[in-house]
Amino acid sequence: CECPLYILYGGICGSDLGTYRGNLPYVSYPRIPGHEFSARVVEADENEYGIKSGMIVTANPYFNKSQIFSAASPAVPVFLISNFAYLR
């Protein structure tokens, strides 16, 4: 299933807070905090997951090079573009 997402809210986790405070020595900069988000599906074709246009979804992705991979399903990359994300 591939569909664009409109990001509604972003979350800040404990690691993000530690990064901001400078408490995590393994973190490199520059860095964009906030890897959890909720979003509205902008457009979705028929798919086996039941994802439909207008649905509110959430994800907990992690960066890997220029892609973000979901923690729940490492094979599903999410690409962020401005306040839109692209789920694939």
N, C-alpha and C. Protein backbone atom coordinates (compact mmCIF):
# COMPACT_ATOMS: atom_id res chain seq x y z
N CYS A 1 0.85 -1.18 0.00
CA CYS A 1 0.00 0.00 0.00
C CYS A 1 0.89 1.24 0.00
N GLU A 2 0.68 2.13 -0.94
CA GLU A 2 1.40 3.39 -0.99
C GLU A 2 0.39 4.52 -0.91
N CYS A 3 0.60 5.46 0.02
CA CYS A 3 -0.33 6.57 0.12
C CYS A 3 0.35 7.76 0.80
N PRO A 4 0.02 8.98 0.36
CA PRO A 4 0.54 10.17 1.03
C PRO A 4 -0.24 10.42 2.32
N LEU A 5 0.46 10.93 3.32
CA LEU A 5 -0.14 11.25 4.62
C LEU A 5 0.03 12.73 4.90
N TYR A 6 -0.98 13.34 5.52
CA TYR A 6 -0.87 14.72 6.00
C TYR A 6 -0.61 14.63 7.50
N ILE A 7 0.55 15.09 7.94
CA ILE A 7 0.93 14.99 9.34
C ILE A 7 0.07 15.93 10.19
N LEU A 8 -0.56 15.38 11.23
CA LEU A 8 -1.41 16.17 12.12
C LEU A 8 -0.66 16.59 13.38
N TYR A 9 -0.01 15.63 14.03
CA TYR A 9 0.71 15.90 15.28
C TYR A 9 2.00 15.10 15.29
N GLY A 10 3.03 15.67 15.90
CA GLY A 10 4.30 14.98 16.09
C GLY A 10 4.53 14.77 17.57
N GLY A 11 5.19 13.68 17.90
CA GLY A 11 5.46 13.38 19.30
C GLY A 11 6.94 13.54 19.64
N ILE A 12 7.22 13.81 20.88
CA ILE A 12 8.59 13.90 21.38
C ILE A 12 8.75 12.81 22.44
N CYS A 13 9.70 11.90 22.22
CA CYS A 13 9.91 10.81 23.18
C CYS A 13 11.05 11.16 24.13
N GLY A 14 11.33 10.26 25.05
CA GLY A 14 12.40 10.47 26.03
C GLY A 14 13.76 10.63 25.38
N SER A 15 14.02 9.87 24.32
CA SER A 15 15.30 10.00 23.61
C SER A 15 15.42 11.36 22.95
N ASP A 16 14.31 11.86 22.39
CA ASP A 16 14.33 13.20 21.79
C ASP A 16 14.65 14.25 22.85
N LEU A 17 14.07 14.11 24.02
CA LEU A 17 14.31 15.05 25.11
C LEU A 17 15.77 14.99 25.55
N GLY A 18 16.31 13.77 25.68
CA GLY A 18 17.71 13.61 26.04
C GLY A 18 18.64 14.19 24.99
N THR A 19 18.27 14.04 23.72
CA THR A 19 19.04 14.62 22.62
C THR A 19 19.04 16.14 22.74
N TYR A 20 17.88 16.72 22.97
CA TYR A 20 17.76 18.18 23.11
C TYR A 20 18.61 18.69 24.27
N ARG A 21 18.60 17.96 25.36
CA ARG A 21 19.35 18.38 26.55
C ARG A 21 20.84 18.09 26.44
N GLY A 22 21.25 17.33 25.41
CA GLY A 22 22.66 16.99 25.23
C GLY A 22 23.12 15.85 26.11
N ASN A 23 22.20 15.01 26.58
CA ASN A 23 22.53 13.91 27.49
C ASN A 23 22.89 12.61 26.78
N LEU A 24 22.79 12.55 25.46
CA LEU A 24 23.04 11.31 24.73
C LEU A 24 24.31 11.45 23.90
N PRO A 25 25.41 10.87 24.36
CA PRO A 25 26.70 11.08 23.69
C PRO A 25 26.79 10.45 22.29
N TYR A 26 25.94 9.48 21.96
CA TYR A 26 26.02 8.81 20.66
C TYR A 26 25.23 9.53 19.57
N VAL A 27 24.58 10.63 19.89
CA VAL A 27 23.75 11.37 18.94
C VAL A 27 24.62 12.34 18.14
N SER A 28 24.40 12.39 16.82
CA SER A 28 25.13 13.35 15.98
C SER A 28 24.19 14.48 15.57
N TYR A 29 24.76 15.62 15.24
CA TYR A 29 23.99 16.81 14.86
C TYR A 29 24.42 17.24 13.47
N PRO A 30 23.58 17.90 12.67
CA PRO A 30 22.23 18.32 13.04
C PRO A 30 21.28 17.13 13.10
N ARG A 31 20.22 17.27 13.86
CA ARG A 31 19.26 16.18 14.08
C ARG A 31 17.86 16.78 14.20
N ILE A 32 16.87 16.12 13.60
CA ILE A 32 15.48 16.55 13.69
C ILE A 32 14.77 15.63 14.66
N PRO A 33 14.35 16.13 15.83
CA PRO A 33 13.67 15.27 16.80
C PRO A 33 12.21 15.02 16.39
N GLY A 34 11.60 14.06 17.03
CA GLY A 34 10.19 13.79 16.80
C GLY A 34 9.96 12.73 15.76
N HIS A 35 10.09 11.46 16.12
CA HIS A 35 9.92 10.39 15.15
C HIS A 35 8.57 9.69 15.25
N GLU A 36 7.74 10.08 16.20
CA GLU A 36 6.37 9.54 16.26
C GLU A 36 5.42 10.60 15.71
N PHE A 37 4.36 10.16 15.02
CA PHE A 37 3.41 11.13 14.50
C PHE A 37 2.05 10.49 14.27
N SER A 38 1.04 11.36 14.16
CA SER A 38 -0.27 10.91 13.69
C SER A 38 -0.55 11.68 12.41
N ALA A 39 -1.35 11.08 11.54
CA ALA A 39 -1.58 11.68 10.22
C ALA A 39 -2.93 11.26 9.67
N ARG A 40 -3.37 11.99 8.66
CA ARG A 40 -4.58 11.63 7.92
C ARG A 40 -4.14 11.10 6.56
N VAL A 41 -4.71 9.99 6.12
CA VAL A 41 -4.41 9.44 4.81
C VAL A 41 -5.04 10.36 3.76
N VAL A 42 -4.21 10.92 2.88
CA VAL A 42 -4.70 11.85 1.87
C VAL A 42 -5.40 11.10 0.74
N GLU A 43 -4.80 10.01 0.30
CA GLU A 43 -5.35 9.25 -0.82
C GLU A 43 -4.86 7.81 -0.70
N ALA A 44 -5.75 6.85 -0.90
CA ALA A 44 -5.35 5.45 -0.82
C ALA A 44 -6.14 4.63 -1.84
N ASP A 45 -5.42 3.83 -2.61
CA ASP A 45 -6.06 2.88 -3.51
C ASP A 45 -6.52 1.68 -2.71
N GLU A 46 -7.30 0.80 -3.33
CA GLU A 46 -7.69 -0.44 -2.64
C GLU A 46 -6.44 -1.21 -2.24
N ASN A 47 -6.45 -1.77 -1.04
CA ASN A 47 -5.28 -2.49 -0.56
C ASN A 47 -5.70 -3.56 0.43
N GLU A 48 -4.80 -4.49 0.70
CA GLU A 48 -5.12 -5.60 1.60
C GLU A 48 -5.09 -5.21 3.07
N TYR A 49 -4.66 -3.99 3.39
CA TYR A 49 -4.57 -3.55 4.78
C TYR A 49 -5.82 -2.82 5.25
N GLY A 50 -6.73 -2.49 4.36
CA GLY A 50 -7.94 -1.76 4.74
C GLY A 50 -7.72 -0.29 4.97
N ILE A 51 -6.58 0.24 4.50
CA ILE A 51 -6.30 1.67 4.65
C ILE A 51 -7.12 2.43 3.62
N LYS A 52 -7.85 3.46 4.08
CA LYS A 52 -8.72 4.24 3.20
C LYS A 52 -8.41 5.73 3.32
N SER A 53 -8.73 6.47 2.28
CA SER A 53 -8.57 7.94 2.31
C SER A 53 -9.35 8.51 3.50
N GLY A 54 -8.75 9.46 4.19
CA GLY A 54 -9.40 10.11 5.32
C GLY A 54 -9.15 9.44 6.66
N MET A 55 -8.62 8.22 6.66
CA MET A 55 -8.34 7.53 7.94
C MET A 55 -7.27 8.28 8.71
N ILE A 56 -7.38 8.26 10.03
CA ILE A 56 -6.34 8.81 10.90
C ILE A 56 -5.44 7.63 11.28
N VAL A 57 -4.15 7.80 11.06
CA VAL A 57 -3.19 6.72 11.32
C VAL A 57 -2.07 7.26 12.20
N THR A 58 -1.29 6.36 12.73
CA THR A 58 -0.13 6.75 13.52
C THR A 58 1.03 5.85 13.14
N ALA A 59 2.22 6.31 13.43
CA ALA A 59 3.41 5.52 13.12
C ALA A 59 4.51 5.89 14.10
N ASN A 60 5.44 5.00 14.23
CA ASN A 60 6.62 5.22 15.05
C ASN A 60 7.83 4.86 14.20
N PRO A 61 8.14 5.70 13.19
CA PRO A 61 9.21 5.37 12.26
C PRO A 61 10.59 5.74 12.79
N TYR A 62 11.61 5.15 12.18
CA TYR A 62 12.99 5.45 12.50
C TYR A 62 13.74 5.72 11.21
N PHE A 63 14.72 6.63 11.23
CA PHE A 63 15.49 6.97 10.04
C PHE A 63 16.47 5.87 9.68
N ASN A 64 16.64 5.67 8.40
CA ASN A 64 17.68 4.81 7.86
C ASN A 64 18.06 5.43 6.52
N LYS A 65 19.17 6.16 6.49
CA LYS A 65 19.59 6.93 5.32
C LYS A 65 18.51 7.97 5.03
N SER A 66 17.99 8.04 3.81
CA SER A 66 16.98 9.06 3.49
C SER A 66 15.57 8.57 3.71
N GLN A 67 15.43 7.34 4.22
CA GLN A 67 14.12 6.77 4.44
C GLN A 67 13.87 6.62 5.93
N ILE A 68 12.61 6.48 6.28
CA ILE A 68 12.21 6.22 7.66
C ILE A 68 11.51 4.87 7.66
N PHE A 69 11.89 3.99 8.56
CA PHE A 69 11.28 2.67 8.60
C PHE A 69 10.46 2.52 9.87
N SER A 70 9.28 1.96 9.74
CA SER A 70 8.39 1.75 10.86
C SER A 70 8.99 0.74 11.83
N ALA A 71 8.87 1.02 13.12
CA ALA A 71 9.35 0.09 14.14
C ALA A 71 8.53 -1.19 14.14
N ALA A 72 7.24 -1.07 13.84
CA ALA A 72 6.36 -2.24 13.84
C ALA A 72 6.58 -3.12 12.63
N SER A 73 6.94 -2.55 11.51
CA SER A 73 7.13 -3.30 10.28
C SER A 73 8.33 -2.72 9.54
N PRO A 74 9.53 -3.21 9.85
CA PRO A 74 10.75 -2.63 9.28
C PRO A 74 10.79 -2.62 7.76
N ALA A 75 9.94 -3.39 7.10
CA ALA A 75 9.95 -3.43 5.64
C ALA A 75 9.10 -2.33 5.02
N VAL A 76 8.45 -1.52 5.84
CA VAL A 76 7.54 -0.48 5.31
C VAL A 76 8.18 0.89 5.52
N PRO A 77 8.83 1.47 4.48
CA PRO A 77 9.42 2.79 4.65
C PRO A 77 8.38 3.91 4.60
N VAL A 78 8.64 4.97 5.34
CA VAL A 78 7.81 6.17 5.32
C VAL A 78 8.73 7.32 4.93
N PHE A 79 8.39 8.05 3.87
CA PHE A 79 9.20 9.15 3.40
C PHE A 79 8.55 10.46 3.82
N LEU A 80 9.29 11.34 4.47
CA LEU A 80 8.73 12.63 4.91
C LEU A 80 9.08 13.73 3.92
N ILE A 81 8.07 14.52 3.54
CA ILE A 81 8.25 15.67 2.66
C ILE A 81 7.47 16.81 3.28
N SER A 82 8.15 17.79 3.86
CA SER A 82 7.51 18.91 4.53
C SER A 82 6.57 18.38 5.60
N ASN A 83 5.29 18.79 5.60
CA ASN A 83 4.37 18.26 6.59
C ASN A 83 3.56 17.11 6.00
N PHE A 84 4.05 16.54 4.91
CA PHE A 84 3.44 15.35 4.33
C PHE A 84 4.40 14.18 4.52
N ALA A 85 3.86 13.00 4.63
CA ALA A 85 4.66 11.78 4.65
C ALA A 85 4.15 10.88 3.55
N TYR A 86 4.99 10.02 3.08
CA TYR A 86 4.61 9.10 2.02
C TYR A 86 4.84 7.69 2.54
N LEU A 87 3.78 6.95 2.75
CA LEU A 87 3.85 5.60 3.32
C LEU A 87 3.95 4.59 2.20
N ARG A 88 4.95 3.74 2.26
CA ARG A 88 5.08 2.70 1.25
C ARG A 88 5.49 1.41 1.91
